[in-house]
C-alpha atoms as a PDB file:
ATOM      1  CA  MET A   1       0.000   0.000   0.000  1.00  0.00           C
ATOM      2  CA  SER A   2       1.410   3.400  -0.887  1.00  0.00           C
ATOM      3  CA  ALA A   3       0.498   6.803   0.453  1.00  0.00           C
ATOM      4  CA  LYS A   4      -0.326   9.577  -1.987  1.00  0.00           C
ATOM      5  CA  PRO A   5       0.725  13.103  -0.985  1.00  0.00           C
ATOM      6  CA  LYS A   6      -1.977  15.691  -0.591  1.00  0.00           C
ATOM      7  CA  SER A   7      -1.752  18.654  -2.892  1.00  0.00           C
ATOM      8  CA  GLY A   8       0.069  21.505  -1.152  1.00  0.00           C
ATOM      9  CA  SER A   9       0.815  19.463   1.994  1.00  0.00           C
ATOM     10  CA  GLY A  10       4.511  20.401   1.943  1.00  0.00           C
ATOM     11  CA  GLY A  11       5.262  17.648   4.479  1.00  0.00           C
ATOM     12  CA  PHE A  12       6.892  14.257   4.407  1.00  0.00           C
ATOM     13  CA  VAL A  13       5.160  11.213   3.003  1.00  0.00           C
ATOM     14  CA  TYR A  14       5.988   7.680   4.091  1.00  0.00           C
ATOM     15  CA  SER A  15       5.454   4.823   1.691  1.00  0.00           C
ATOM     16  CA  THR A  16       6.293   1.130   1.861  1.00  0.00           C
ATOM     17  CA  ASN A  17       6.211   0.954  -1.938  1.00  0.00           C
ATOM     18  CA  PRO A  18       9.841   1.058  -3.228  1.00  0.00           C
ATOM     19  CA  ASP A  19       8.668   2.430  -6.614  1.00  0.00           C
ATOM     20  CA  PHE A  20       6.604   5.255  -5.109  1.00  0.00           C
ATOM     21  CA  PHE A  21       8.767   8.156  -6.316  1.00  0.00           C
ATOM     22  CA  ARG A  22       9.210   6.676  -9.782  1.00  0.00           C
ATOM     23  CA  GLU A  23       5.426   6.345 -10.102  1.00  0.00           C
ATOM     24  CA  GLU A  24       4.965   9.992  -9.080  1.00  0.00           C
ATOM     25  CA  GLU A  25       7.563  11.164 -11.637  1.00  0.00           C
ATOM     26  CA  ALA A  26       5.896   9.150 -14.400  1.00  0.00           C
ATOM     27  CA  ALA A  27       2.485  10.536 -13.482  1.00  0.00           C
ATOM     28  CA  ALA A  28       3.867  14.069 -13.499  1.00  0.00           C
ATOM     29  CA  GLY A  29       5.398  13.558 -16.964  1.00  0.00           C
ATOM     30  CA  SER A  30       8.963  14.174 -15.821  1.00  0.00           C
ATOM     31  CA  GLY A  31      10.350  14.310 -19.370  1.00  0.00           C
ATOM     32  CA  SER A  32       7.804  16.685 -20.825  1.00  0.00           C
ATOM     33  CA  GLY A  33       8.556  19.764 -18.727  1.00  0.00           C
ATOM     34  CA  PRO A  34      11.604  22.036 -18.574  1.00  0.00           C
ATOM     35  CA  GLN A  35      14.762  20.261 -17.496  1.00  0.00           C
ATOM     36  CA  GLU A  36      18.322  21.171 -16.640  1.00  0.00           C
ATOM     37  CA  LEU A  37      20.508  19.861 -19.446  1.00  0.00           C
ATOM     38  CA  ARG A  38      24.281  19.952 -19.959  1.00  0.00           C
ATOM     39  CA  VAL A  39      25.900  20.446 -23.356  1.00  0.00           C
ATOM     40  CA  TRP A  40      29.414  19.014 -23.741  1.00  0.00           C
ATOM     41  CA  LEU A  41      31.994  19.000 -26.511  1.00  0.00           C
ATOM     42  CA  GLU A  42      33.963  15.759 -26.758  1.00  0.00           C
ATOM     43  CA  LYS A  43      36.781  14.423 -28.900  1.00  0.00           C
ATOM     44  CA  ASN A  44      38.054  11.551 -26.779  1.00  0.00           C
ATOM     45  CA  HIS A  45      37.305   7.986 -27.913  1.00  0.00           C
ATOM     46  CA  ARG A  46      35.708   9.241 -31.128  1.00  0.00           C
ATOM     47  CA  GLY A  47      38.539   8.810 -33.612  1.00  0.00           C
ATOM     48  CA  GLY A  48      39.588  12.462 -33.275  1.00  0.00           C
ATOM     49  CA  LYS A  49      36.203  13.738 -34.434  1.00  0.00           C
ATOM     50  CA  THR A  50      34.338  16.405 -32.468  1.00  0.00           C
ATOM     51  CA  VAL A  51      30.907  15.553 -31.073  1.00  0.00           C
ATOM     52  CA  THR A  52      28.383  17.742 -29.243  1.00  0.00           C
ATOM     53  CA  VAL A  53      26.797  15.769 -26.386  1.00  0.00           C
ATOM     54  CA  VAL A  54      23.572  16.642 -24.532  1.00  0.00           C
ATOM     55  CA  ARG A  55      23.259  15.001 -21.101  1.00  0.00           C
ATOM     56  CA  GLY A  56      20.789  15.064 -18.252  1.00  0.00           C
ATOM     57  CA  PHE A  57      17.513  14.388 -20.066  1.00  0.00           C
ATOM     58  CA  SER A  58      15.022  12.492 -17.940  1.00  0.00           C
ATOM     59  CA  GLY A  59      12.044  11.177 -19.816  1.00  0.00           C
ATOM     60  CA  SER A  60      10.981   8.334 -22.026  1.00  0.00           C
ATOM     61  CA  ASP A  61      13.187   6.940 -24.765  1.00  0.00           C
ATOM     62  CA  ALA A  62      10.677   8.176 -27.354  1.00  0.00           C
ATOM     63  CA  GLU A  63      10.908  11.750 -26.018  1.00  0.00           C
ATOM     64  CA  LEU A  64      14.705  11.541 -26.063  1.00  0.00           C
ATOM     65  CA  GLU A  65      14.655  10.270 -29.665  1.00  0.00           C
ATOM     66  CA  ASP A  66      12.304  13.101 -30.690  1.00  0.00           C
ATOM     67  CA  LEU A  67      14.510  15.735 -29.062  1.00  0.00           C
ATOM     68  CA  GLY A  68      17.613  14.223 -30.674  1.00  0.00           C
ATOM     69  CA  ARG A  69      15.947  14.192 -34.099  1.00  0.00           C
ATOM     70  CA  THR A  70      14.867  17.825 -33.704  1.00  0.00           C
ATOM     71  CA  LEU A  71      18.353  18.972 -32.664  1.00  0.00           C
ATOM     72  CA  ARG A  72      20.026  17.088 -35.530  1.00  0.00           C
ATOM     73  CA  GLN A  73      17.622  18.682 -38.022  1.00  0.00           C
ATOM     74  CA  LYS A  74      18.149  22.179 -36.594  1.00  0.00           C
ATOM     75  CA  CYS A  75      21.930  21.754 -36.738  1.00  0.00           C
ATOM     76  CA  GLY A  76      21.888  20.147 -40.181  1.00  0.00           C
ATOM     77  CA  SER A  77      24.112  17.369 -38.935  1.00  0.00           C
ATOM     78  CA  GLY A  78      24.134  13.658 -38.255  1.00  0.00           C
ATOM     79  CA  GLY A  79      24.206  12.010 -34.890  1.00  0.00           C
ATOM     80  CA  SER A  80      22.470   9.504 -32.674  1.00  0.00           C
ATOM     81  CA  VAL A  81      20.980   8.815 -29.252  1.00  0.00           C
ATOM     82  CA  LYS A  82      22.930   6.360 -27.089  1.00  0.00           C
ATOM     83  CA  ASP A  83      22.905   5.563 -23.380  1.00  0.00           C
ATOM     84  CA  GLY A  84      20.545   8.442 -22.560  1.00  0.00           C
ATOM     85  CA  GLU A  85      22.712  11.011 -24.368  1.00  0.00           C
ATOM     86  CA  ILE A  86      22.135  12.915 -27.586  1.00  0.00           C
ATOM     87  CA  LEU A  87      25.206  12.907 -29.846  1.00  0.00           C
ATOM     88  CA  ILE A  88      25.479  15.428 -32.676  1.00  0.00           C
ATOM     89  CA  GLN A  89      28.413  15.317 -35.094  1.00  0.00           C
ATOM     90  CA  GLY A  90      30.533  18.473 -35.009  1.00  0.00           C
ATOM     91  CA  ASP A  91      30.768  21.496 -32.722  1.00  0.00           C
ATOM     92  CA  HIS A  92      27.191  22.775 -32.502  1.00  0.00           C
ATOM     93  CA  ARG A  93      27.151  23.889 -28.858  1.00  0.00           C
ATOM     94  CA  GLN A  94      25.820  27.395 -29.479  1.00  0.00           C
ATOM     95  CA  ARG A  95      23.046  26.222 -31.805  1.00  0.00           C
ATOM     96  CA  VAL A  96      22.037  23.399 -29.454  1.00  0.00           C
ATOM     97  CA  ILE A  97      21.972  25.750 -26.450  1.00  0.00           C
ATOM     98  CA  GLN A  98      19.872  28.226 -28.439  1.00  0.00           C
ATOM     99  CA  TRP A  99      17.297  25.612 -29.490  1.00  0.00           C
ATOM    100  CA  LEU A 100      17.076  23.982 -26.062  1.00  0.00           C
ATOM    101  CA  THR A 101      16.555  27.404 -24.480  1.00  0.00           C
ATOM    102  CA  GLN A 102      13.740  28.103 -26.935  1.00  0.00           C
ATOM    103  CA  LEU A 103      12.182  24.795 -25.840  1.00  0.00           C
ATOM    104  CA  LYS A 104      12.186  26.228 -22.252  1.00  0.00           C
ATOM    105  CA  HIS A 105      14.950  23.956 -20.895  1.00  0.00           C
ATOM    106  CA  ARG A 106      17.621  25.265 -18.540  1.00  0.00           C
ATOM    107  CA  VAL A 107      20.902  24.684 -20.358  1.00  0.00           C
ATOM    108  CA  LYS A 108      24.489  24.854 -19.151  1.00  0.00           C
ATOM    109  CA  SER A 109      27.590  24.559 -21.266  1.00  0.00           C
ATOM    110  CA  ALA A 110      29.866  22.073 -19.517  1.00  0.00           C
ATOM    111  CA  GLY A 111      33.115  20.259 -20.156  1.00  0.00           C
ATOM    112  CA  SER A 112      35.729  21.384 -22.622  1.00  0.00           C
END
């Protein structure tokens, strides 16, 4: 049996259900709202080629694929989605940050 928090209670909720918080996040649509994402530029382990990496997306795999497809189209570049990260070929940090900001995400440039 799991306890459901009352709206606006602001207090602690005890639940014996180990999946309680994951159920709440899924019900709230955790991937559909604004998120804090990190945009990295990487060259290591990529055959010397530069790749723009977007990390920190929490949502369904379908939402991640859609976001990756949109960013690749906006940058006019190839790429993929692997291990919860969006990979875009080339240095497109500024464009990616611009588009993610327009989609109401909080974006930070990180890494090198």
